[in-house]
Amino acid sequence: MQFGIFTVGDVTTDPTTGKTPTEHERIKAMTTIAKHAEEVGLDVFATGEHHNKPFVPSSPTTMLGYIAAQTEKITLSTSTTLITTNDPVKIAEDYAMLQHLAEGRVDLMMGRGNTAPVYPWFGKDIRAGIPLALENYQLLRRLWDEEVVNWQGEYRTPLQGFTSTPRPLDGVAPFVWHGSIRSPEIAEIAAYHGDGFFANNIFWPKEHYIELINLYRQRYEHYGHGSADQAIVGLGGQVFMRKNSQDAVKEFRPYFDNAPVYGHGPSLEEFTEQTPLTVGSPEQVIEKTLAFADFFGDYQRQLFLMDHAGLPLKTVLEQLDLLGEEVVPVLRREFAARRPAHVPDNPPTHASMKAAREASSVTA
């Protein structure tokens, strides 16, 4: 099973000091966090894509390419690549280029985005969000899978005899996840293509996500990719840890209370009771994370959000130390022990997809 972190790249004032990082400081902190994630033994670093304040990661491939040059093992991903407002031709070329630079250590998560003003900024209509996502993704797959593409659709100019460059590394396109919190159409397209489905599993009770995950599993089996329990599922989560749970709650409370995404609403205690957020000891994080599989079934990727709400870099790095040293080793062992032999333990990687492609060409 893969474990990692994902960032939304928010620039938020630290409520305990009143200090707001500059955009430059926040960007450099994100790259430091990614490198430290590899150092503590995590498998994945993923960044969001945002084009509005208070967020800074507007160019994920630029950031991931920089990180790729300074790491060796960690998989570089996105926690959203905007399939609606990005041109599929640019996505195809940008992520193939990143594949080459990172020696295949790349996958990405497609999403529609949840910021309405972004659509007109890029010349799109939010009311066409679902059709845009479906059409753009169908074109993206063809651009990766076919050497020469002739195509005509509703939302961009036609293509005639077009070849995107560079071609995917070793002829194998990056593995794609689809992230959604409310759209069955996205779960359907993930299942149709045999792609992964990611539920961010943060802001709402677990019951909010189970219907889409179950739909994805059922349709994955329907399209002949394997049994429902073999579908490739990823989950998010939020944690804040200290050795002593009372210390964790005391330290995190001002960050929670003032966070732009959930501050000034339910109390910390109410939020941790109602959602997957865990604030406490490493043992409590282990217990709550293991319970995800009891509800959602066996899954392949767990990402944690740890650098949000104005937490200083030093604190985030301490969180990563606890995650890598005390939490993830136990989770790996426990999840492996409960996973049936026929259920994949990891999502597809460049190496595994390349091997499968070569094997199919030999038997063809």
Protein backbone atom coordinates (compact mmCIF):
# COMPACT_ATOMS: atom_id res chain seq x y z
CA MET A 1 0.00 0.00 0.00
CA GLN A 2 1.20 3.49 -0.79
CA PHE A 3 1.34 6.21 1.85
CA GLY A 4 2.03 9.86 1.25
CA ILE A 5 0.96 13.44 1.69
CA PHE A 6 -0.94 15.94 -0.38
CA THR A 7 -0.89 19.70 -0.14
CA VAL A 8 -3.36 22.38 -1.16
CA GLY A 9 -0.62 25.02 -0.99
CA ASP A 10 -2.53 27.57 1.06
CA VAL A 11 -0.83 30.75 2.24
CA THR A 12 -2.33 31.18 5.69
CA THR A 13 -1.37 33.37 8.64
CA ASP A 14 -0.03 31.46 11.63
CA PRO A 15 -2.60 32.37 14.30
CA THR A 16 -0.11 31.82 17.12
CA THR A 17 2.47 34.30 15.79
CA GLY A 18 0.54 36.50 13.37
CA LYS A 19 3.15 35.77 10.67
CA THR A 20 2.02 35.19 7.10
CA PRO A 21 4.56 33.49 4.82
CA THR A 22 5.32 35.09 1.50
CA GLU A 23 4.42 33.19 -1.64
CA HIS A 24 8.10 32.48 -2.14
CA GLU A 25 8.46 31.09 1.39
CA ARG A 26 5.40 28.89 0.96
CA ILE A 27 6.55 27.49 -2.37
CA LYS A 28 10.00 26.69 -1.02
CA ALA A 29 8.43 25.12 2.07
CA MET A 30 6.37 22.80 -0.13
CA THR A 31 9.48 21.57 -1.92
CA THR A 32 11.23 21.01 1.41
CA ILE A 33 8.24 19.04 2.64
CA ALA A 34 8.26 16.87 -0.49
CA LYS A 35 11.94 16.04 -0.08
CA HIS A 36 11.48 15.25 3.61
CA ALA A 37 8.54 12.97 2.76
CA GLU A 38 10.95 10.82 0.76
CA GLU A 39 13.55 10.94 3.54
CA VAL A 40 11.09 9.51 6.10
CA GLY A 41 10.05 6.69 3.75
CA LEU A 42 6.77 7.89 2.29
CA ASP A 43 5.73 6.81 -1.20
CA VAL A 44 3.86 9.78 -2.66
CA PHE A 45 3.92 13.57 -2.71
CA ALA A 46 0.94 15.23 -4.39
CA THR A 47 0.17 18.89 -4.98
CA GLY A 48 -3.08 20.59 -5.83
CA GLU A 49 -3.63 23.04 -8.68
CA HIS A 50 -5.12 26.43 -7.81
CA HIS A 51 -5.29 29.75 -9.60
CA ASN A 52 -6.75 31.87 -6.83
CA LYS A 53 -5.59 33.25 -3.51
CA PRO A 54 -4.76 32.15 -0.86
CA PHE A 55 -3.19 29.26 -2.82
CA VAL A 56 0.13 29.19 -4.72
CA PRO A 57 0.48 25.93 -6.73
CA SER A 58 -0.72 27.21 -10.10
CA SER A 59 1.84 25.15 -12.06
CA PRO A 60 2.06 21.60 -10.67
CA THR A 61 4.38 20.25 -13.34
CA THR A 62 6.91 23.03 -12.71
CA MET A 63 6.96 22.23 -9.01
CA LEU A 64 7.03 18.46 -9.50
CA GLY A 65 9.80 18.71 -12.08
CA TYR A 66 11.90 20.67 -9.58
CA ILE A 67 11.22 18.07 -6.88
CA ALA A 68 11.95 15.21 -9.29
CA ALA A 69 15.47 16.54 -9.77
CA GLN A 70 16.11 16.37 -6.01
CA THR A 71 14.52 13.01 -5.20
CA GLU A 72 15.04 9.43 -6.26
CA LYS A 73 12.14 7.21 -5.22
CA ILE A 74 9.00 9.10 -4.29
CA THR A 75 6.06 9.12 -6.71
CA LEU A 76 5.11 12.64 -7.79
CA SER A 77 1.42 13.25 -8.28
CA THR A 78 -1.29 15.86 -8.21
CA SER A 79 -4.19 16.12 -5.83
CA THR A 80 -5.99 17.92 -8.62
CA THR A 81 -5.17 18.54 -12.24
CA LEU A 82 -7.99 20.66 -13.61
CA ILE A 83 -9.38 18.66 -16.51
CA THR A 84 -12.05 21.29 -17.18
CA THR A 85 -10.02 24.49 -17.55
CA ASN A 86 -6.73 23.07 -18.86
CA ASP A 87 -6.34 22.23 -22.54
CA PRO A 88 -6.05 18.43 -22.89
CA VAL A 89 -3.21 18.93 -25.40
CA LYS A 90 -1.21 20.86 -22.80
CA ILE A 91 -1.94 18.27 -20.09
CA ALA A 92 -0.82 15.46 -22.42
CA GLU A 93 2.45 17.17 -23.25
CA ASP A 94 3.23 18.57 -19.78
CA TYR A 95 2.80 15.27 -17.96
CA ALA A 96 4.62 13.24 -20.60
CA MET A 97 7.53 15.67 -20.26
CA LEU A 98 7.40 15.28 -16.46
CA GLN A 99 7.39 11.49 -16.91
CA HIS A 100 10.66 11.67 -18.82
CA LEU A 101 12.29 14.01 -16.30
CA ALA A 102 11.18 11.90 -13.33
CA GLU A 103 12.04 8.53 -14.92
CA GLY A 104 8.40 7.47 -14.73
CA ARG A 105 7.77 8.45 -11.09
CA VAL A 106 4.58 10.29 -12.07
CA ASP A 107 0.84 9.90 -11.92
CA LEU A 108 -1.92 12.49 -11.68
CA MET A 109 -5.43 13.05 -10.41
CA MET A 110 -8.06 14.64 -12.63
CA GLY A 111 -10.66 16.90 -11.05
CA ARG A 112 -13.15 19.56 -12.02
CA GLY A 113 -12.08 22.00 -9.30
CA ASN A 114 -14.39 23.66 -6.81
CA THR A 115 -13.65 27.35 -7.44
CA ALA A 116 -16.31 28.81 -9.71
CA PRO A 117 -14.39 31.94 -10.90
CA VAL A 118 -11.62 29.78 -12.39
CA TYR A 119 -13.86 28.74 -15.27
CA PRO A 120 -14.33 32.17 -16.88
CA TRP A 121 -10.66 33.04 -16.19
CA PHE A 122 -9.81 30.27 -18.65
CA GLY A 123 -12.67 30.97 -21.03
CA LYS A 124 -14.94 28.16 -19.80
CA ASP A 125 -18.49 27.96 -18.45
CA ILE A 126 -18.93 26.24 -15.10
CA ARG A 127 -22.38 25.08 -16.16
CA ALA A 128 -20.61 22.80 -18.63
CA GLY A 129 -18.32 21.37 -15.95
CA ILE A 130 -19.31 17.72 -16.32
CA PRO A 131 -19.44 17.63 -20.15
CA LEU A 132 -16.11 19.49 -20.25
CA ALA A 133 -14.51 16.95 -17.92
CA LEU A 134 -15.79 13.99 -19.94
CA GLU A 135 -14.89 15.37 -23.37
CA ASN A 136 -11.47 16.64 -22.31
CA TYR A 137 -10.53 13.37 -20.70
CA GLN A 138 -11.60 11.32 -23.70
CA LEU A 139 -9.34 13.51 -25.86
CA LEU A 140 -6.46 13.29 -23.37
CA ARG A 141 -6.54 9.49 -23.47
CA ARG A 142 -6.40 9.50 -27.24
CA LEU A 143 -3.50 11.96 -27.26
CA TRP A 144 -1.50 9.61 -25.02
CA ASP A 145 -2.59 6.33 -26.59
CA GLU A 146 -2.57 7.21 -30.30
CA GLU A 147 0.41 8.44 -32.30
CA VAL A 148 -1.73 10.55 -34.66
CA VAL A 149 -5.06 12.02 -33.55
CA ASN A 150 -7.93 13.32 -35.68
CA TRP A 151 -10.57 14.74 -33.38
CA GLN A 152 -13.53 17.09 -33.24
CA GLY A 153 -15.59 17.97 -30.18
CA GLU A 154 -17.73 20.72 -28.72
CA TYR A 155 -15.39 22.61 -26.42
CA ARG A 156 -12.14 23.18 -28.35
CA THR A 157 -10.93 23.53 -31.91
CA PRO A 158 -10.59 20.31 -33.96
CA LEU A 159 -7.32 18.42 -34.34
CA GLN A 160 -6.15 17.07 -37.68
CA GLY A 161 -3.19 14.72 -37.89
CA PHE A 162 -1.90 15.90 -34.50
CA THR A 163 0.83 14.17 -32.47
CA SER A 164 1.48 15.37 -28.93
CA THR A 165 5.14 15.59 -27.94
CA PRO A 166 6.97 14.15 -26.21
CA ARG A 167 5.31 10.78 -26.41
CA PRO A 168 4.71 9.05 -23.05
CA LEU A 169 7.81 7.42 -21.59
CA ASP A 170 8.25 3.85 -22.93
CA GLY A 171 4.90 4.24 -24.67
CA VAL A 172 3.12 4.04 -21.30
CA ALA A 173 0.90 6.95 -20.25
CA PRO A 174 0.89 8.06 -16.60
CA PHE A 175 -1.60 6.31 -14.37
CA VAL A 176 -4.65 8.50 -13.79
CA TRP A 177 -6.82 8.94 -10.72
CA HIS A 178 -10.16 10.76 -10.82
CA GLY A 179 -11.16 12.76 -7.78
CA SER A 180 -14.73 13.69 -6.98
CA ILE A 181 -16.84 14.41 -3.93
CA ARG A 182 -20.28 14.48 -5.51
CA SER A 183 -20.35 13.50 -9.23
CA PRO A 184 -21.29 9.94 -10.25
CA GLU A 185 -20.25 10.75 -13.83
CA ILE A 186 -16.63 11.04 -12.66
CA ALA A 187 -16.78 7.69 -10.88
CA GLU A 188 -18.22 6.24 -14.08
CA ILE A 189 -15.44 7.50 -16.34
CA ALA A 190 -12.81 6.25 -13.89
CA ALA A 191 -14.40 2.80 -13.93
CA TYR A 192 -14.80 2.76 -17.71
CA HIS A 193 -11.09 3.34 -18.29
CA GLY A 194 -9.90 1.17 -15.42
CA ASP A 195 -8.38 4.24 -13.78
CA GLY A 196 -8.17 4.93 -10.06
CA PHE A 197 -10.78 6.75 -7.99
CA PHE A 198 -9.74 9.07 -5.15
CA ALA A 199 -12.00 10.37 -2.38
CA ASN A 200 -10.44 13.27 -0.50
CA ASN A 201 -12.10 12.03 2.72
CA ILE A 202 -11.60 15.29 4.60
CA PHE A 203 -14.48 17.67 5.11
CA TRP A 204 -17.47 15.36 5.46
CA PRO A 205 -18.40 12.18 7.32
CA LYS A 206 -17.28 8.94 5.70
CA GLU A 207 -20.88 8.22 4.66
CA HIS A 208 -20.58 11.10 2.19
CA TYR A 209 -17.97 9.24 0.14
CA ILE A 210 -19.11 5.63 0.28
CA GLU A 211 -21.81 5.91 -2.39
CA LEU A 212 -19.36 7.14 -5.05
CA ILE A 213 -16.72 4.60 -4.07
CA ASN A 214 -19.24 1.76 -4.20
CA LEU A 215 -20.54 2.98 -7.57
CA TYR A 216 -16.98 3.10 -8.91
CA ARG A 217 -16.26 -0.42 -7.65
CA GLN A 218 -19.45 -1.82 -9.17
CA ARG A 219 -18.84 -0.19 -12.55
CA TYR A 220 -15.15 -1.19 -12.54
CA GLU A 221 -16.31 -4.81 -12.36
CA HIS A 222 -19.05 -4.17 -14.94
CA TYR A 223 -16.44 -2.99 -17.48
CA GLY A 224 -14.38 -6.13 -16.99
CA HIS A 225 -11.30 -4.73 -15.26
CA GLY A 226 -11.57 -7.12 -12.32
CA SER A 227 -13.78 -7.77 -9.34
CA ALA A 228 -15.22 -4.84 -7.41
CA ASP A 229 -12.80 -5.33 -4.53
CA GLN A 230 -9.87 -5.12 -6.96
CA ALA A 231 -10.76 -1.58 -8.06
CA ILE A 232 -8.02 1.01 -7.41
CA VAL A 233 -9.14 3.32 -4.61
CA GLY A 234 -7.31 6.14 -2.85
CA LEU A 235 -8.31 8.07 0.24
CA GLY A 236 -7.30 11.34 1.82
CA GLY A 237 -7.19 12.20 5.49
CA GLN A 238 -6.07 14.89 7.93
CA VAL A 239 -3.94 14.35 11.00
CA PHE A 240 -2.07 16.31 13.63
CA MET A 241 0.04 14.36 16.10
CA ARG A 242 2.05 14.69 19.24
CA LYS A 243 3.26 11.91 21.50
CA ASN A 244 0.59 12.93 23.98
CA SER A 245 -2.93 13.41 22.61
CA GLN A 246 -3.71 16.31 24.94
CA ASP A 247 -0.64 18.16 23.67
CA ALA A 248 -1.77 17.61 20.08
CA VAL A 249 -5.23 19.04 20.75
CA LYS A 250 -3.87 22.05 22.63
CA GLU A 251 -1.32 22.88 19.93
CA PHE A 252 -3.60 22.36 16.94
CA ARG A 253 -6.71 24.11 18.29
CA PRO A 254 -5.78 27.70 17.28
CA TYR A 255 -4.88 26.50 13.78
CA PHE A 256 -8.17 24.66 13.45
CA ASP A 257 -10.24 27.52 14.85
CA ASN A 258 -8.78 30.03 12.38
CA ALA A 259 -8.34 27.83 9.30
CA PRO A 260 -9.91 29.38 6.17
CA VAL A 261 -11.48 26.08 5.12
CA TYR A 262 -13.17 24.97 8.34
CA GLY A 263 -12.50 27.55 11.03
CA HIS A 264 -15.29 29.44 12.77
CA GLY A 265 -17.63 26.47 12.38
CA PRO A 266 -17.95 23.25 14.37
CA SER A 267 -15.60 22.82 17.30
CA LEU A 268 -12.44 20.77 16.93
CA GLU A 269 -14.05 18.00 18.99
CA GLU A 270 -17.18 18.00 16.83
CA PHE A 271 -15.17 17.97 13.62
CA THR A 272 -12.94 15.10 14.69
CA GLU A 273 -16.01 13.15 15.78
CA GLN A 274 -17.87 13.72 12.51
CA THR A 275 -15.04 13.55 9.93
CA PRO A 276 -11.79 11.62 9.33
CA LEU A 277 -9.69 14.38 10.95
CA THR A 278 -7.54 12.88 13.71
CA VAL A 279 -5.84 15.10 16.29
CA GLY A 280 -4.02 13.05 18.89
CA SER A 281 -1.30 10.48 19.38
CA PRO A 282 0.25 8.29 16.67
CA GLU A 283 -1.71 5.36 18.13
CA GLN A 284 -4.98 7.22 17.60
CA VAL A 285 -4.04 8.03 14.00
CA ILE A 286 -3.27 4.36 13.38
CA GLU A 287 -6.57 3.23 14.89
CA LYS A 288 -8.71 5.68 12.91
CA THR A 289 -6.88 5.09 9.62
CA LEU A 290 -7.21 1.31 9.89
CA ALA A 291 -10.96 1.81 10.33
CA PHE A 292 -11.17 3.38 6.85
CA ALA A 293 -10.73 -0.06 5.27
CA ASP A 294 -13.50 -1.49 7.44
CA PHE A 295 -15.89 0.99 5.85
CA PHE A 296 -14.54 1.56 2.32
CA GLY A 297 -12.91 -1.84 1.72
CA ASP A 298 -9.28 -2.56 0.97
CA TYR A 299 -7.63 0.28 -0.90
CA GLN A 300 -4.27 1.13 -2.44
CA ARG A 301 -3.25 4.71 -1.56
CA GLN A 302 -3.56 6.78 1.60
CA LEU A 303 -2.60 10.45 1.47
CA PHE A 304 -2.57 12.78 4.47
CA LEU A 305 -3.00 16.57 4.53
CA MET A 306 -0.46 17.95 7.01
CA ASP A 307 0.82 21.39 5.93
CA HIS A 308 -2.33 23.51 5.98
CA ALA A 309 -3.92 26.19 8.16
CA GLY A 310 -0.74 28.18 8.75
CA LEU A 311 1.30 25.45 10.44
CA PRO A 312 4.99 26.44 10.40
CA LEU A 313 7.43 24.39 8.36
CA LYS A 314 9.25 23.12 11.44
CA THR A 315 6.01 21.68 12.81
CA VAL A 316 5.11 20.03 9.49
CA LEU A 317 8.51 18.35 9.30
CA GLU A 318 8.02 17.06 12.86
CA GLN A 319 4.65 15.66 11.76
CA LEU A 320 6.32 13.87 8.87
CA ASP A 321 8.88 12.37 11.24
CA LEU A 322 6.10 10.92 13.39
CA LEU A 323 4.23 9.69 10.34
CA GLY A 324 7.27 7.97 8.86
CA GLU A 325 8.69 6.55 12.07
CA GLU A 326 5.66 5.57 14.15
CA VAL A 327 2.53 5.47 12.00
CA VAL A 328 3.24 4.24 8.48
CA PRO A 329 5.28 1.13 9.45
CA VAL A 330 2.38 -0.09 11.59
CA LEU A 331 -0.20 0.74 8.91
CA ARG A 332 1.80 -1.10 6.25
CA ARG A 333 1.96 -4.21 8.40
CA GLU A 334 -1.69 -4.14 9.47
CA PHE A 335 -3.13 -3.37 6.03
CA ALA A 336 -0.97 -6.09 4.44
CA ALA A 337 -2.16 -8.65 6.98
CA ARG A 338 -5.82 -8.02 6.28
CA ARG A 339 -5.64 -7.68 2.47
CA PRO A 340 -6.90 -10.72 0.48
CA ALA A 341 -4.31 -12.17 -1.90
CA HIS A 342 -6.31 -11.26 -5.01
CA VAL A 343 -6.60 -7.55 -4.12
CA PRO A 344 -3.78 -5.30 -5.42
CA ASP A 345 -1.62 -3.88 -2.66
CA ASN A 346 -0.49 -0.87 -4.75
CA PRO A 347 -1.89 1.15 -7.63
CA PRO A 348 -0.27 0.66 -11.04
CA THR A 349 3.18 2.21 -11.45
CA HIS A 350 5.16 3.01 -14.55
CA ALA A 351 7.20 -0.16 -14.07
CA SER A 352 4.16 -2.40 -13.61
CA MET A 353 2.30 -0.90 -16.57
CA LYS A 354 5.39 -1.19 -18.77
CA ALA A 355 5.80 -4.85 -17.79
CA ALA A 356 2.12 -5.56 -18.51
CA ARG A 357 2.40 -3.86 -21.91
CA GLU A 358 5.47 -5.88 -22.82
CA ALA A 359 3.85 -9.10 -21.69
CA SER A 360 0.73 -8.44 -23.76
CA SER A 361 2.83 -7.72 -26.86
CA VAL A 362 4.65 -11.05 -26.45
CA THR A 363 1.41 -13.03 -26.20
CA ALA A 364 -0.39 -11.11 -28.95
